[in-house]
Amino acid sequence: MANKLVGSAGRLQGGYHSLSEALSAERTGFSLCGDAEEKPLREAKFHVVIKPVERGLPTSKEAMESLKGLGGKTISRMRREAVDCPVRARPTPFIECFACSGFIRRAHGIVDCEGLPRKAEP
């Protein structure tokens, strides 16, 4: 997925500032380019605080595969973070939260969640 977002010169295509922004846009279908069909902004149903954990929670292989294009330091930091998922009603690794279809954005230590059920349980 990340390979088609990066051009031959190693730069992101489509006017994105970061690879995570481009991956999120591709997953949600919302694009910053004017050539794509405009979709309404998604509304956040939950605002979940990210909390650091000393030892990372077990993470599914599917969620790790979705982060293929991100750097090692970023993934390492994300492994040591967790959220109290309102959809699953239990603590969840942030990596699985990021890979979830209900994830909208992360800003200032808070995740905006659409509250949609996951497509596939790990």
PDB file of N, CA and C in Angstrom:
ATOM      1  N   MET A   1       0.832  -1.182   0.000  1.00  0.00           N
ATOM      2  CA  MET A   1       0.000   0.000   0.000  1.00  0.00           C
ATOM      3  C   MET A   1       0.879   1.248   0.000  1.00  0.00           C
ATOM      4  N   ALA A   2       1.943   1.269   0.807  1.00  0.00           N
ATOM      5  CA  ALA A   2       2.775   2.456   0.901  1.00  0.00           C
ATOM      6  C   ALA A   2       3.595   2.667  -0.361  1.00  0.00           C
ATOM      7  N   ASN A   3       3.882   1.598  -1.099  1.00  0.00           N
ATOM      8  CA  ASN A   3       4.714   1.717  -2.288  1.00  0.00           C
ATOM      9  C   ASN A   3       4.087   2.613  -3.345  1.00  0.00           C
ATOM     10  N   LYS A   4       2.770   2.582  -3.521  1.00  0.00           N
ATOM     11  CA  LYS A   4       2.145   3.408  -4.548  1.00  0.00           C
ATOM     12  C   LYS A   4       1.939   4.846  -4.100  1.00  0.00           C
ATOM     13  N   LEU A   5       2.176   5.150  -2.821  1.00  0.00           N
ATOM     14  CA  LEU A   5       2.061   6.514  -2.325  1.00  0.00           C
ATOM     15  C   LEU A   5       3.360   7.295  -2.490  1.00  0.00           C
ATOM     16  N   VAL A   6       4.472   6.564  -2.652  1.00  0.00           N
ATOM     17  CA  VAL A   6       5.779   7.190  -2.787  1.00  0.00           C
ATOM     18  C   VAL A   6       6.191   7.125  -4.246  1.00  0.00           C
ATOM     19  N   GLY A   7       6.559   8.266  -4.810  1.00  0.00           N
ATOM     20  CA  GLY A   7       6.940   8.338  -6.216  1.00  0.00           C
ATOM     21  C   GLY A   7       8.347   7.843  -6.459  1.00  0.00           C
ATOM     22  N   SER A   8       8.806   7.960  -7.692  1.00  0.00           N
ATOM     23  CA  SER A   8      10.129   7.465  -8.067  1.00  0.00           C
ATOM     24  C   SER A   8      11.242   8.259  -7.400  1.00  0.00           C
ATOM     25  N   ALA A   9      11.025   9.508  -7.075  1.00  0.00           N
ATOM     26  CA  ALA A   9      12.043  10.328  -6.421  1.00  0.00           C
ATOM     27  C   ALA A   9      12.022  10.149  -4.910  1.00  0.00           C
ATOM     28  N   GLY A  10      11.198   9.260  -4.393  1.00  0.00           N
ATOM     29  CA  GLY A  10      11.126   9.030  -2.951  1.00  0.00           C
ATOM     30  C   GLY A  10      10.273  10.037  -2.223  1.00  0.00           C
ATOM     31  N   ARG A  11       9.469  10.819  -2.941  1.00  0.00           N
ATOM     32  CA  ARG A  11       8.600  11.821  -2.313  1.00  0.00           C
ATOM     33  C   ARG A  11       7.162  11.332  -2.319  1.00  0.00           C
ATOM     34  N   LEU A  12       6.406  11.799  -1.352  1.00  0.00           N
ATOM     35  CA  LEU A  12       5.001  11.413  -1.267  1.00  0.00           C
ATOM     36  C   LEU A  12       4.203  12.049  -2.393  1.00  0.00           C
ATOM     37  N   GLN A  13       3.305  11.276  -2.975  1.00  0.00           N
ATOM     38  CA  GLN A  13       2.447  11.786  -4.031  1.00  0.00           C
ATOM     39  C   GLN A  13       1.127  12.244  -3.427  1.00  0.00           C
ATOM     40  N   GLY A  14       0.485  13.195  -4.027  1.00  0.00           N
ATOM     41  CA  GLY A  14      -0.836  13.621  -3.608  1.00  0.00           C
ATOM     42  C   GLY A  14      -0.858  14.764  -2.617  1.00  0.00           C
ATOM     43  N   GLY A  15       0.285  15.404  -2.335  1.00  0.00           N
ATOM     44  CA  GLY A  15       0.294  16.557  -1.451  1.00  0.00           C
ATOM     45  C   GLY A  15       0.240  16.226   0.031  1.00  0.00           C
ATOM     46  N   TYR A  16       0.625  15.019   0.413  1.00  0.00           N
ATOM     47  CA  TYR A  16       0.604  14.644   1.822  1.00  0.00           C
ATOM     48  C   TYR A  16       1.903  15.066   2.491  1.00  0.00           C
ATOM     49  N   HIS A  17       1.832  15.378   3.787  1.00  0.00           N
ATOM     50  CA  HIS A  17       3.001  15.812   4.533  1.00  0.00           C
ATOM     51  C   HIS A  17       3.716  14.651   5.209  1.00  0.00           C
ATOM     52  N   SER A  18       3.015  13.572   5.509  1.00  0.00           N
ATOM     53  CA  SER A  18       3.642  12.432   6.164  1.00  0.00           C
ATOM     54  C   SER A  18       3.049  11.146   5.607  1.00  0.00           C
ATOM     55  N   LEU A  19       3.787  10.067   5.792  1.00  0.00           N
ATOM     56  CA  LEU A  19       3.330   8.784   5.295  1.00  0.00           C
ATOM     57  C   LEU A  19       2.101   8.314   6.066  1.00  0.00           C
ATOM     58  N   SER A  20       2.048   8.607   7.369  1.00  0.00           N
ATOM     59  CA  SER A  20       0.879   8.197   8.144  1.00  0.00           C
ATOM     60  C   SER A  20      -0.376   8.924   7.670  1.00  0.00           C
ATOM     61  N   GLU A  21      -0.236  10.193   7.281  1.00  0.00           N
ATOM     62  CA  GLU A  21      -1.367  10.954   6.739  1.00  0.00           C
ATOM     63  C   GLU A  21      -1.827  10.348   5.417  1.00  0.00           C
ATOM     64  N   ALA A  22      -0.875   9.951   4.581  1.00  0.00           N
ATOM     65  CA  ALA A  22      -1.211   9.348   3.292  1.00  0.00           C
ATOM     66  C   ALA A  22      -1.866   7.982   3.478  1.00  0.00           C
ATOM     67  N   LEU A  23      -1.351   7.172   4.412  1.00  0.00           N
ATOM     68  CA  LEU A  23      -1.939   5.858   4.676  1.00  0.00           C
ATOM     69  C   LEU A  23      -3.348   5.993   5.226  1.00  0.00           C
ATOM     70  N   SER A  24      -3.548   6.954   6.122  1.00  0.00           N
ATOM     71  CA  SER A  24      -4.869   7.180   6.688  1.00  0.00           C
ATOM     72  C   SER A  24      -5.847   7.636   5.602  1.00  0.00           C
ATOM     73  N   ALA A  25      -5.385   8.501   4.712  1.00  0.00           N
ATOM     74  CA  ALA A  25      -6.248   8.989   3.633  1.00  0.00           C
ATOM     75  C   ALA A  25      -6.613   7.860   2.683  1.00  0.00           C
ATOM     76  N   GLU A  26      -5.657   6.970   2.417  1.00  0.00           N
ATOM     77  CA  GLU A  26      -5.951   5.867   1.508  1.00  0.00           C
ATOM     78  C   GLU A  26      -6.935   4.892   2.156  1.00  0.00           C
ATOM     79  N   ARG A  27      -6.757   4.648   3.458  1.00  0.00           N
ATOM     80  CA  ARG A  27      -7.632   3.719   4.170  1.00  0.00           C
ATOM     81  C   ARG A  27      -9.057   4.264   4.256  1.00  0.00           C
ATOM     82  N   THR A  28      -9.210   5.568   4.458  1.00  0.00           N
ATOM     83  CA  THR A  28     -10.536   6.162   4.622  1.00  0.00           C
ATOM     84  C   THR A  28     -11.161   6.585   3.306  1.00  0.00           C
ATOM     85  N   GLY A  29     -10.342   6.726   2.262  1.00  0.00           N
ATOM     86  CA  GLY A  29     -10.871   7.151   0.974  1.00  0.00           C
ATOM     87  C   GLY A  29     -10.952   8.655   0.820  1.00  0.00           C
ATOM     88  N   PHE A  30     -10.467   9.412   1.791  1.00  0.00           N
ATOM     89  CA  PHE A  30     -10.487  10.867   1.715  1.00  0.00           C
ATOM     90  C   PHE A  30      -9.130  11.356   1.239  1.00  0.00           C
ATOM     91  N   SER A  31      -9.077  12.147   0.207  1.00  0.00           N
ATOM     92  CA  SER A  31      -7.826  12.579  -0.397  1.00  0.00           C
ATOM     93  C   SER A  31      -7.679  14.095  -0.303  1.00  0.00           C
ATOM     94  N   LEU A  32      -6.426  14.550  -0.200  1.00  0.00           N
ATOM     95  CA  LEU A  32      -6.150  15.979  -0.201  1.00  0.00           C
ATOM     96  C   LEU A  32      -6.111  16.540  -1.611  1.00  0.00           C
ATOM     97  N   CYS A  33      -5.970  15.683  -2.610  1.00  0.00           N
ATOM     98  CA  CYS A  33      -5.921  16.131  -4.003  1.00  0.00           C
ATOM     99  C   CYS A  33      -7.320  16.531  -4.460  1.00  0.00           C
ATOM    100  N   GLY A  34      -7.391  17.427  -5.377  1.00  0.00           N
ATOM    101  CA  GLY A  34      -8.670  17.852  -5.899  1.00  0.00           C
ATOM    102  C   GLY A  34      -9.279  16.882  -6.891  1.00  0.00           C
ATOM    103  N   ASP A  35      -8.497  15.877  -7.359  1.00  0.00           N
ATOM    104  CA  ASP A  35      -9.010  14.975  -8.374  1.00  0.00           C
ATOM    105  C   ASP A  35      -9.943  13.906  -7.816  1.00  0.00           C
ATOM    106  N   ALA A  36      -9.894  13.651  -6.526  1.00  0.00           N
ATOM    107  CA  ALA A  36     -10.745  12.618  -5.918  1.00  0.00           C
ATOM    108  C   ALA A  36     -12.117  13.201  -5.581  1.00  0.00           C
ATOM    109  N   GLU A  37     -13.070  12.333  -5.480  1.00  0.00           N
ATOM    110  CA  GLU A  37     -14.423  12.750  -5.122  1.00  0.00           C
ATOM    111  C   GLU A  37     -14.438  13.227  -3.666  1.00  0.00           C
ATOM    112  N   GLU A  38     -15.006  14.390  -3.428  1.00  0.00           N
ATOM    113  CA  GLU A  38     -15.056  14.949  -2.076  1.00  0.00           C
ATOM    114  C   GLU A  38     -16.028  14.152  -1.214  1.00  0.00           C
ATOM    115  N   LYS A  39     -15.571  13.758  -0.023  1.00  0.00           N
ATOM    116  CA  LYS A  39     -16.429  13.060   0.920  1.00  0.00           C
ATOM    117  C   LYS A  39     -16.578  13.935   2.156  1.00  0.00           C
ATOM    118  N   PRO A  40     -17.687  13.845   2.857  1.00  0.00           N
ATOM    119  CA  PRO A  40     -17.845  14.655   4.062  1.00  0.00           C
ATOM    120  C   PRO A  40     -16.865  14.201   5.141  1.00  0.00           C
ATOM    121  N   LEU A  41     -16.459  15.151   5.974  1.00  0.00           N
ATOM    122  CA  LEU A  41     -15.557  14.820   7.070  1.00  0.00           C
ATOM    123  C   LEU A  41     -16.250  13.881   8.046  1.00  0.00           C
ATOM    124  N   ARG A  42     -15.480  12.966   8.572  1.00  0.00           N
ATOM    125  CA  ARG A  42     -16.047  12.005   9.516  1.00  0.00           C
ATOM    126  C   ARG A  42     -16.164  12.647  10.903  1.00  0.00           C
ATOM    127  N   GLU A  43     -17.225  12.360  11.578  1.00  0.00           N
ATOM    128  CA  GLU A  43     -17.516  12.934  12.891  1.00  0.00           C
ATOM    129  C   GLU A  43     -16.995  12.015  13.995  1.00  0.00           C
ATOM    130  N   ALA A  44     -16.283  12.582  14.959  1.00  0.00           N
ATOM    131  CA  ALA A  44     -15.745  11.813  16.076  1.00  0.00           C
ATOM    132  C   ALA A  44     -16.842  11.579  17.112  1.00  0.00           C
ATOM    133  N   LYS A  45     -17.063  10.319  17.426  1.00  0.00           N
ATOM    134  CA  LYS A  45     -18.041   9.962  18.443  1.00  0.00           C
ATOM    135  C   LYS A  45     -17.375   9.854  19.817  1.00  0.00           C
ATOM    136  N   PHE A  46     -16.103   9.429  19.822  1.00  0.00           N
ATOM    137  CA  PHE A  46     -15.349   9.276  21.069  1.00  0.00           C
ATOM    138  C   PHE A  46     -14.021  10.010  20.953  1.00  0.00           C
ATOM    139  N   HIS A  47     -13.556  10.543  22.075  1.00  0.00           N
ATOM    140  CA  HIS A  47     -12.225  11.138  22.206  1.00  0.00           C
ATOM    141  C   HIS A  47     -11.509  10.321  23.277  1.00  0.00           C
ATOM    142  N   VAL A  48     -10.509   9.551  22.876  1.00  0.00           N
ATOM    143  CA  VAL A  48      -9.851   8.606  23.763  1.00  0.00           C
ATOM    144  C   VAL A  48      -8.429   9.075  24.039  1.00  0.00           C
ATOM    145  N   VAL A  49      -8.033   9.079  25.310  1.00  0.00           N
ATOM    146  CA  VAL A  49      -6.701   9.515  25.712  1.00  0.00           C
ATOM    147  C   VAL A  49      -5.707   8.369  25.526  1.00  0.00           C
ATOM    148  N   ILE A  50      -4.555   8.682  24.949  1.00  0.00           N
ATOM    149  CA  ILE A  50      -3.489   7.696  24.773  1.00  0.00           C
ATOM    150  C   ILE A  50      -2.686   7.664  26.061  1.00  0.00           C
ATOM    151  N   LYS A  51      -2.432   6.456  26.564  1.00  0.00           N
ATOM    152  CA  LYS A  51      -1.650   6.326  27.792  1.00  0.00           C
ATOM    153  C   LYS A  51      -0.414   5.477  27.527  1.00  0.00           C
ATOM    154  N   PRO A  52       0.712   5.872  28.123  1.00  0.00           N
ATOM    155  CA  PRO A  52       1.926   5.075  27.957  1.00  0.00           C
ATOM    156  C   PRO A  52       1.858   3.820  28.830  1.00  0.00           C
ATOM    157  N   VAL A  53       2.422   2.731  28.341  1.00  0.00           N
ATOM    158  CA  VAL A  53       2.507   1.499  29.118  1.00  0.00           C
ATOM    159  C   VAL A  53       3.971   1.079  29.166  1.00  0.00           C
ATOM    160  N   GLU A  54       4.382   0.474  30.270  1.00  0.00           N
ATOM    161  CA  GLU A  54       5.771   0.062  30.407  1.00  0.00           C
ATOM    162  C   GLU A  54       6.108  -1.065  29.445  1.00  0.00           C
ATOM    163  N   ARG A  55       5.223  -2.025  29.375  1.00  0.00           N
ATOM    164  CA  ARG A  55       5.447  -3.163  28.503  1.00  0.00           C
ATOM    165  C   ARG A  55       4.316  -3.208  27.473  1.00  0.00           C
ATOM    166  N   GLY A  56       4.669  -3.295  26.218  1.00  0.00           N
ATOM    167  CA  GLY A  56       3.672  -3.251  25.155  1.00  0.00           C
ATOM    168  C   GLY A  56       2.675  -4.388  25.230  1.00  0.00           C
ATOM    169  N   LEU A  57       1.449  -4.123  24.813  1.00  0.00           N
ATOM    170  CA  LEU A  57       0.404  -5.141  24.755  1.00  0.00           C
ATOM    171  C   LEU A  57       0.576  -5.973  23.485  1.00  0.00           C
ATOM    172  N   PRO A  58       0.104  -7.226  23.488  1.00  0.00           N
ATOM    173  CA  PRO A  58       0.208  -8.040  22.272  1.00  0.00           C
ATOM    174  C   PRO A  58      -0.556  -7.394  21.113  1.00  0.00           C
ATOM    175  N   THR A  59       0.075  -7.394  19.947  1.00  0.00           N
ATOM    176  CA  THR A  59      -0.489  -6.746  18.768  1.00  0.00           C
ATOM    177  C   THR A  59      -0.662  -7.762  17.650  1.00  0.00           C
ATOM    178  N   SER A  60      -1.760  -7.672  16.927  1.00  0.00           N
ATOM    179  CA  SER A  60      -2.026  -8.610  15.839  1.00  0.00           C
ATOM    180  C   SER A  60      -1.070  -8.380  14.665  1.00  0.00           C
ATOM    181  N   LYS A  61      -0.837  -9.425  13.896  1.00  0.00           N
ATOM    182  CA  LYS A  61       0.051  -9.335  12.734  1.00  0.00           C
ATOM    183  C   LYS A  61      -0.552  -8.443  11.656  1.00  0.00           C
ATOM    184  N   GLU A  62      -1.877  -8.459  11.532  1.00  0.00           N
ATOM    185  CA  GLU A  62      -2.544  -7.629  10.521  1.00  0.00           C
ATOM    186  C   GLU A  62      -2.316  -6.147  10.798  1.00  0.00           C
ATOM    187  N   ALA A  63      -2.379  -5.772  12.080  1.00  0.00           N
ATOM    188  CA  ALA A  63      -2.162  -4.370  12.442  1.00  0.00           C
ATOM    189  C   ALA A  63      -0.719  -3.961  12.166  1.00  0.00           C
ATOM    190  N   MET A  64       0.220  -4.853  12.446  1.00  0.00           N
ATOM    191  CA  MET A  64       1.625  -4.552  12.187  1.00  0.00           C
ATOM    192  C   MET A  64       1.894  -4.426  10.685  1.00  0.00           C
ATOM    193  N   GLU A  65       1.218  -5.229   9.876  1.00  0.00           N
ATOM    194  CA  GLU A  65       1.383  -5.156   8.426  1.00  0.00           C
ATOM    195  C   GLU A  65       0.888  -3.822   7.868  1.00  0.00           C
ATOM    196  N   SER A  66      -0.121  -3.234   8.507  1.00  0.00           N
ATOM    197  CA  SER A  66      -0.657  -1.967   8.012  1.00  0.00           C
ATOM    198  C   SER A  66       0.312  -0.806   8.238  1.00  0.00           C
ATOM    199  N   LEU A  67       1.325  -0.992   9.100  1.00  0.00           N
ATOM    200  CA  LEU A  67       2.307   0.055   9.385  1.00  0.00           C
ATOM    201  C   LEU A  67       3.596  -0.130   8.612  1.00  0.00           C
ATOM    202  N   LYS A  68       3.573  -0.917   7.572  1.00  0.00           N
ATOM    203  CA  LYS A  68       4.768  -1.311   6.826  1.00  0.00           C
ATOM    204  C   LYS A  68       5.637  -0.117   6.415  1.00  0.00           C
ATOM    205  N   GLY A  69       5.071   1.000   6.031  1.00  0.00           N
ATOM    206  CA  GLY A  69       5.851   2.125   5.517  1.00  0.00           C
ATOM    207  C   GLY A  69       6.379   3.079   6.571  1.00  0.00           C
ATOM    208  N   LEU A  70       5.995   2.928   7.822  1.00  0.00           N
ATOM    209  CA  LEU A  70       6.444   3.844   8.868  1.00  0.00           C
ATOM    210  C   LEU A  70       7.830   3.467   9.361  1.00  0.00           C
ATOM    211  N   GLY A  71       8.529   4.408   9.961  1.00  0.00           N
ATOM    212  CA  GLY A  71       9.877   4.181  10.463  1.00  0.00           C
ATOM    213  C   GLY A  71       9.905   3.344  11.742  1.00  0.00           C
ATOM    214  N   GLY A  72      11.059   2.776  12.014  1.00  0.00           N
ATOM    215  CA  GLY A  72      11.233   1.915  13.180  1.00  0.00           C
ATOM    216  C   GLY A  72      11.013   2.635  14.502  1.00  0.00           C
ATOM    217  N   LYS A  73      11.485   3.878  14.607  1.00  0.00           N
ATOM    218  CA  LYS A  73      11.302   4.633  15.852  1.00  0.00           C
ATOM    219  C   LYS A  73       9.827   4.914  16.109  1.00  0.00           C
ATOM    220  N   THR A  74       9.109   5.234  15.065  1.00  0.00           N
ATOM    221  CA  THR A  74       7.681   5.526  15.203  1.00  0.00           C
ATOM    222  C   THR A  74       6.932   4.286  15.665  1.00  0.00           C
ATOM    223  N   ILE A  75       7.205   3.154  15.046  1.00  0.00           N
ATOM    224  CA  ILE A  75       6.540   1.910  15.427  1.00  0.00           C
ATOM    225  C   ILE A  75       6.920   1.521  16.845  1.00  0.00           C
ATOM    226  N   SER A  76       8.186   1.704  17.209  1.00  0.00           N
ATOM    227  CA  SER A  76       8.643   1.380  18.561  1.00  0.00           C
ATOM    228  C   SER A  76       7.902   2.224  19.603  1.00  0.00           C
ATOM    229  N   ARG A  77       7.713   3.504  19.307  1.00  0.00           N
ATOM    230  CA  ARG A  77       6.990   4.381  20.237  1.00  0.00           C
ATOM    231  C   ARG A  77       5.514   3.978  20.318  1.00  0.00           C
ATOM    232  N   MET A  78       4.934   3.634  19.163  1.00  0.00           N
ATOM    233  CA  MET A  78       3.525   3.261  19.136  1.00  0.00           C
ATOM    234  C   MET A  78       3.273   1.951  19.881  1.00  0.00           C
ATOM    235  N   ARG A  79       4.263   1.067  19.921  1.00  0.00           N
ATOM    236  CA  ARG A  79       4.114  -0.203  20.647  1.00  0.00           C
ATOM    237  C   ARG A  79       3.995   0.016  22.149  1.00  0.00           C
ATOM    238  N   ARG A  80       4.555   1.104  22.649  1.00  0.00           N
ATOM    239  CA  ARG A  80       4.523   1.378  24.087  1.00  0.00           C
ATOM    240  C   ARG A  80       3.368   2.299  24.474  1.00  0.00           C
ATOM    241  N   GLU A  81       2.350   2.363  23.628  1.00  0.00           N
ATOM    242  CA  GLU A  81       1.172   3.185  23.906  1.00  0.00           C
ATOM    243  C   GLU A  81      -0.087   2.330  23.805  1.00  0.00           C
ATOM    244  N   ALA A  82      -1.082   2.691  24.606  1.00  0.00           N
ATOM    245  CA  ALA A  82      -2.349   1.960  24.603  1.00  0.00           C
ATOM    246  C   ALA A  82      -3.503   2.939  24.775  1.00  0.00           C
ATOM    247  N   VAL A  83      -4.693   2.493  24.423  1.00  0.00           N
ATOM    248  CA  VAL A  83      -5.915   3.275  24.613  1.00  0.00           C
ATOM    249  C   VAL A  83      -6.975   2.372  25.238  1.00  0.00           C
ATOM    250  N   ASP A  84      -7.918   2.960  25.941  1.00  0.00           N
ATOM    251  CA  ASP A  84      -9.085   2.218  26.427  1.00  0.00           C
ATOM    252  C   ASP A  84     -10.138   2.304  25.336  1.00  0.00           C
ATOM    253  N   CYS A  85     -10.190   1.289  24.507  1.00  0.00           N
ATOM    254  CA  CYS A  85     -11.044   1.307  23.319  1.00  0.00           C
ATOM    255  C   CYS A  85     -12.524   1.274  23.711  1.00  0.00           C
ATOM    256  N   PRO A  86     -13.316   2.268  23.270  1.00  0.00           N
ATOM    257  CA  PRO A  86     -14.745   2.263  23.581  1.00  0.00           C
ATOM    258  C   PRO A  86     -15.519   1.224  22.772  1.00  0.00           C
ATOM    259  N   VAL A  87     -14.984   0.797  21.635  1.00  0.00           N
ATOM    260  CA  VAL A  87     -15.658  -0.191  20.795  1.00  0.00           C
ATOM    261  C   VAL A  87     -15.451  -1.596  21.341  1.00  0.00           C
ATOM    262  N   ARG A  88     -14.219  -1.909  21.691  1.00  0.00           N
ATOM    263  CA  ARG A  88     -13.892  -3.236  22.199  1.00  0.00           C
ATOM    264  C   ARG A  88     -14.099  -3.343  23.713  1.00  0.00           C
ATOM    265  N   ALA A  89     -14.232  -2.218  24.391  1.00  0.00           N
ATOM    266  CA  ALA A  89     -14.455  -2.153  25.840  1.00  0.00           C
ATOM    267  C   ALA A  89     -13.333  -2.811  26.626  1.00  0.00           C
ATOM    268  N   ARG A  90     -12.093  -2.603  26.182  1.00  0.00           N
ATOM    269  CA  ARG A  90     -10.920  -3.102  26.898  1.00  0.00           C
ATOM    270  C   ARG A  90      -9.691  -2.343  26.424  1.00  0.00           C
ATOM    271  N   PRO A  91      -8.596  -2.406  27.185  1.00  0.00           N
ATOM    272  CA  PRO A  91      -7.364  -1.749  26.727  1.00  0.00           C
ATOM    273  C   PRO A  91      -6.877  -2.374  25.419  1.00  0.00           C
ATOM    274  N   THR A  92      -6.453  -1.519  24.499  1.00  0.00           N
ATOM    275  CA  THR A  92      -6.035  -1.954  23.165  1.00  0.00           C
ATOM    276  C   THR A  92      -4.719  -1.272  22.815  1.00  0.00           C
ATOM    277  N   PRO A  93      -3.774  -1.991  22.194  1.00  0.00           N
ATOM    278  CA  PRO A  93      -2.548  -1.330  21.740  1.00  0.00           C
ATOM    279  C   PRO A  93      -2.881  -0.234  20.733  1.00  0.00           C
ATOM    280  N   PHE A  94      -2.131   0.864  20.776  1.00  0.00           N
ATOM    281  CA  PHE A  94      -2.414   1.963  19.863  1.00  0.00           C
ATOM    282  C   PHE A  94      -2.264   1.535  18.407  1.00  0.00           C
ATOM    283  N   ILE A  95      -1.374   0.601  18.133  1.00  0.00           N
ATOM    284  CA  ILE A  95      -1.179   0.145  16.755  1.00  0.00           C
ATOM    285  C   ILE A  95      -2.479  -0.438  16.200  1.00  0.00           C
ATOM    286  N   GLU A  96      -3.200  -1.212  17.013  1.00  0.00           N
ATOM    287  CA  GLU A  96      -4.478  -1.769  16.554  1.00  0.00           C
ATOM    288  C   GLU A  96      -5.535  -0.680  16.426  1.00  0.00           C
ATOM    289  N   CYS A  97      -5.466   0.312  17.299  1.00  0.00           N
ATOM    290  CA  CYS A  97      -6.383   1.454  17.208  1.00  0.00           C
ATOM    291  C   CYS A  97      -6.143   2.203  15.900  1.00  0.00           C
ATOM    292  N   PHE A  98      -4.876   2.415  15.545  1.00  0.00           N
ATOM    293  CA  PHE A  98      -4.514   3.122  14.322  1.00  0.00           C
ATOM    294  C   PHE A  98      -4.966   2.353  13.080  1.00  0.00           C
ATOM    295  N   ALA A  99      -4.915   1.023  13.139  1.00  0.00           N
ATOM    296  CA  ALA A  99      -5.297   0.191  12.001  1.00  0.00           C
ATOM    297  C   ALA A  99      -6.812   0.002  11.895  1.00  0.00           C
ATOM    298  N   CYS A 100      -7.557   0.379  12.914  1.00  0.00           N
ATOM    299  CA  CYS A 100      -9.004   0.190  12.953  1.00  0.00           C
ATOM    300  C   CYS A 100      -9.700   1.123  11.946  1.00  0.00           C
ATOM    301  N   SER A 101     -10.834   0.677  11.423  1.00  0.00           N
ATOM    302  CA  SER A 101     -11.579   1.489  10.455  1.00  0.00           C
ATOM    303  C   SER A 101     -12.233   2.706  11.107  1.00  0.00           C
ATOM    304  N   GLY A 102     -12.399   2.702  12.424  1.00  0.00           N
ATOM    305  CA  GLY A 102     -13.017   3.824  13.117  1.00  0.00           C
ATOM    306  C   GLY A 102     -12.049   4.934  13.496  1.00  0.00           C
ATOM    307  N   PHE A 103     -10.741   4.715  13.305  1.00  0.00           N
ATOM    308  CA  PHE A 103      -9.727   5.719  13.642  1.00  0.00           C
ATOM    309  C   PHE A 103      -9.861   6.901  12.695  1.00  0.00           C
ATOM    310  N   ILE A 104      -9.922   8.123  13.276  1.00  0.00           N
ATOM    311  CA  ILE A 104      -9.999   9.331  12.450  1.00  0.00           C
ATOM    312  C   ILE A 104      -8.670  10.074  12.481  1.00  0.00           C
ATOM    313  N   ARG A 105      -8.225  10.452  13.685  1.00  0.00           N
ATOM    314  CA  ARG A 105      -6.972  11.208  13.807  1.00  0.00           C
ATOM    315  C   ARG A 105      -6.414  11.065  15.206  1.00  0.00           C
ATOM    316  N   ARG A 106      -5.146  11.412  15.332  1.00  0.00           N
ATOM    317  CA  ARG A 106      -4.475  11.478  16.626  1.00  0.00           C
ATOM    318  C   ARG A 106      -3.882  12.866  16.732  1.00  0.00           C
ATOM    319  N   ALA A 107      -4.213  13.574  17.815  1.00  0.00           N
ATOM    320  CA  ALA A 107      -3.675  14.915  18.011  1.00  0.00           C
ATOM    321  C   ALA A 107      -3.537  15.195  19.498  1.00  0.00           C
ATOM    322  N   HIS A 108      -2.359  15.645  19.906  1.00  0.00           N
ATOM    323  CA  HIS A 108      -2.080  16.042  21.283  1.00  0.00           C
ATOM    324  C   HIS A 108      -2.406  14.942  22.290  1.00  0.00           C
ATOM    325  N   GLY A 109      -2.091  13.704  21.958  1.00  0.00           N
ATOM    326  CA  GLY A 109      -2.304  12.599  22.882  1.00  0.00           C
ATOM    327  C   GLY A 109      -3.739  12.130  22.979  1.00  0.00           C
ATOM    328  N   ILE A 110      -4.581  12.544  22.053  1.00  0.00           N
ATOM    329  CA  ILE A 110      -5.993  12.143  22.054  1.00  0.00           C
ATOM    330  C   ILE A 110      -6.343  11.569  20.680  1.00  0.00           C
ATOM    331  N   VAL A 111      -7.036  10.436  20.695  1.00  0.00           N
ATOM    332  CA  VAL A 111      -7.476   9.797  19.463  1.00  0.00           C
ATOM    333  C   VAL A 111      -8.948  10.109  19.255  1.00  0.00           C
ATOM    334  N   ASP A 112      -9.295  10.540  18.059  1.00  0.00           N
ATOM    335  CA  ASP A 112     -10.697  10.723  17.685  1.00  0.00           C
ATOM    336  C   ASP A 112     -11.159   9.441  17.018  1.00  0.00           C
ATOM    337  N   CYS A 113     -12.231   8.857  17.556  1.00  0.00           N
ATOM    338  CA  CYS A 113     -12.736   7.568  17.084  1.00  0.00           C
ATOM    339  C   CYS A 113     -14.156   7.742  16.580  1.00  0.00           C
ATOM    340  N   GLU A 114     -14.434   7.101  15.466  1.00  0.00           N
ATOM    341  CA  GLU A 114     -15.759   7.180  14.876  1.00  0.00           C
ATOM    342  C   GLU A 114     -16.745   6.255  15.586  1.00  0.00           C
ATOM    343  N   GLY A 115     -16.230   5.267  16.308  1.00  0.00           N
ATOM    344  CA  GLY A 115     -17.090   4.362  17.071  1.00  0.00           C
ATOM    345  C   GLY A 115     -17.664   3.230  16.242  1.00  0.00           C
ATOM    346  N   LEU A 116     -17.095   2.983  15.075  1.00  0.00           N
ATOM    347  CA  LEU A 116     -17.571   1.886  14.228  1.00  0.00           C
ATOM    348  C   LEU A 116     -17.010   0.566  14.716  1.00  0.00           C
ATOM    349  N   PRO A 117     -17.776  -0.516  14.586  1.00  0.00           N
ATOM    350  CA  PRO A 117     -17.216  -1.819  14.959  1.00  0.00           C
ATOM    351  C   PRO A 117     -16.108  -2.219  13.998  1.00  0.00           C
ATOM    352  N   ARG A 118     -15.154  -2.953  14.532  1.00  0.00           N
ATOM    353  CA  ARG A 118     -14.024  -3.401  13.699  1.00  0.00           C
ATOM    354  C   ARG A 118     -14.515  -4.355  12.617  1.00  0.00           C
ATOM    355  N   LYS A 119     -13.842  -4.326  11.487  1.00  0.00           N
ATOM    356  CA  LYS A 119     -14.235  -5.218  10.390  1.00  0.00           C
ATOM    357  C   LYS A 119     -13.885  -6.667  10.692  1.00  0.00           C
ATOM    358  N   ALA A 120     -12.722  -6.877  11.319  1.00  0.00           N
ATOM    359  CA  ALA A 120     -12.296  -8.245  11.663  1.00  0.00           C
ATOM    360  C   ALA A 120     -11.603  -8.219  13.011  1.00  0.00           C
ATOM    361  N   GLU A 121     -12.033  -9.074  13.905  1.00  0.00           N
ATOM    362  CA  GLU A 121     -11.401  -9.184  15.216  1.00  0.00           C
ATOM    363  C   GLU A 121     -10.122  -9.995  15.091  1.00  0.00           C
ATOM    364  N   PRO A 122      -9.024  -9.565  15.769  1.00  0.00           N
ATOM    365  CA  PRO A 122      -7.792 -10.339  15.705  1.00  0.00           C
ATOM    366  C   PRO A 122      -7.904 -11.635  16.469  1.00  0.00           C
TER     367      PRO A 122
END
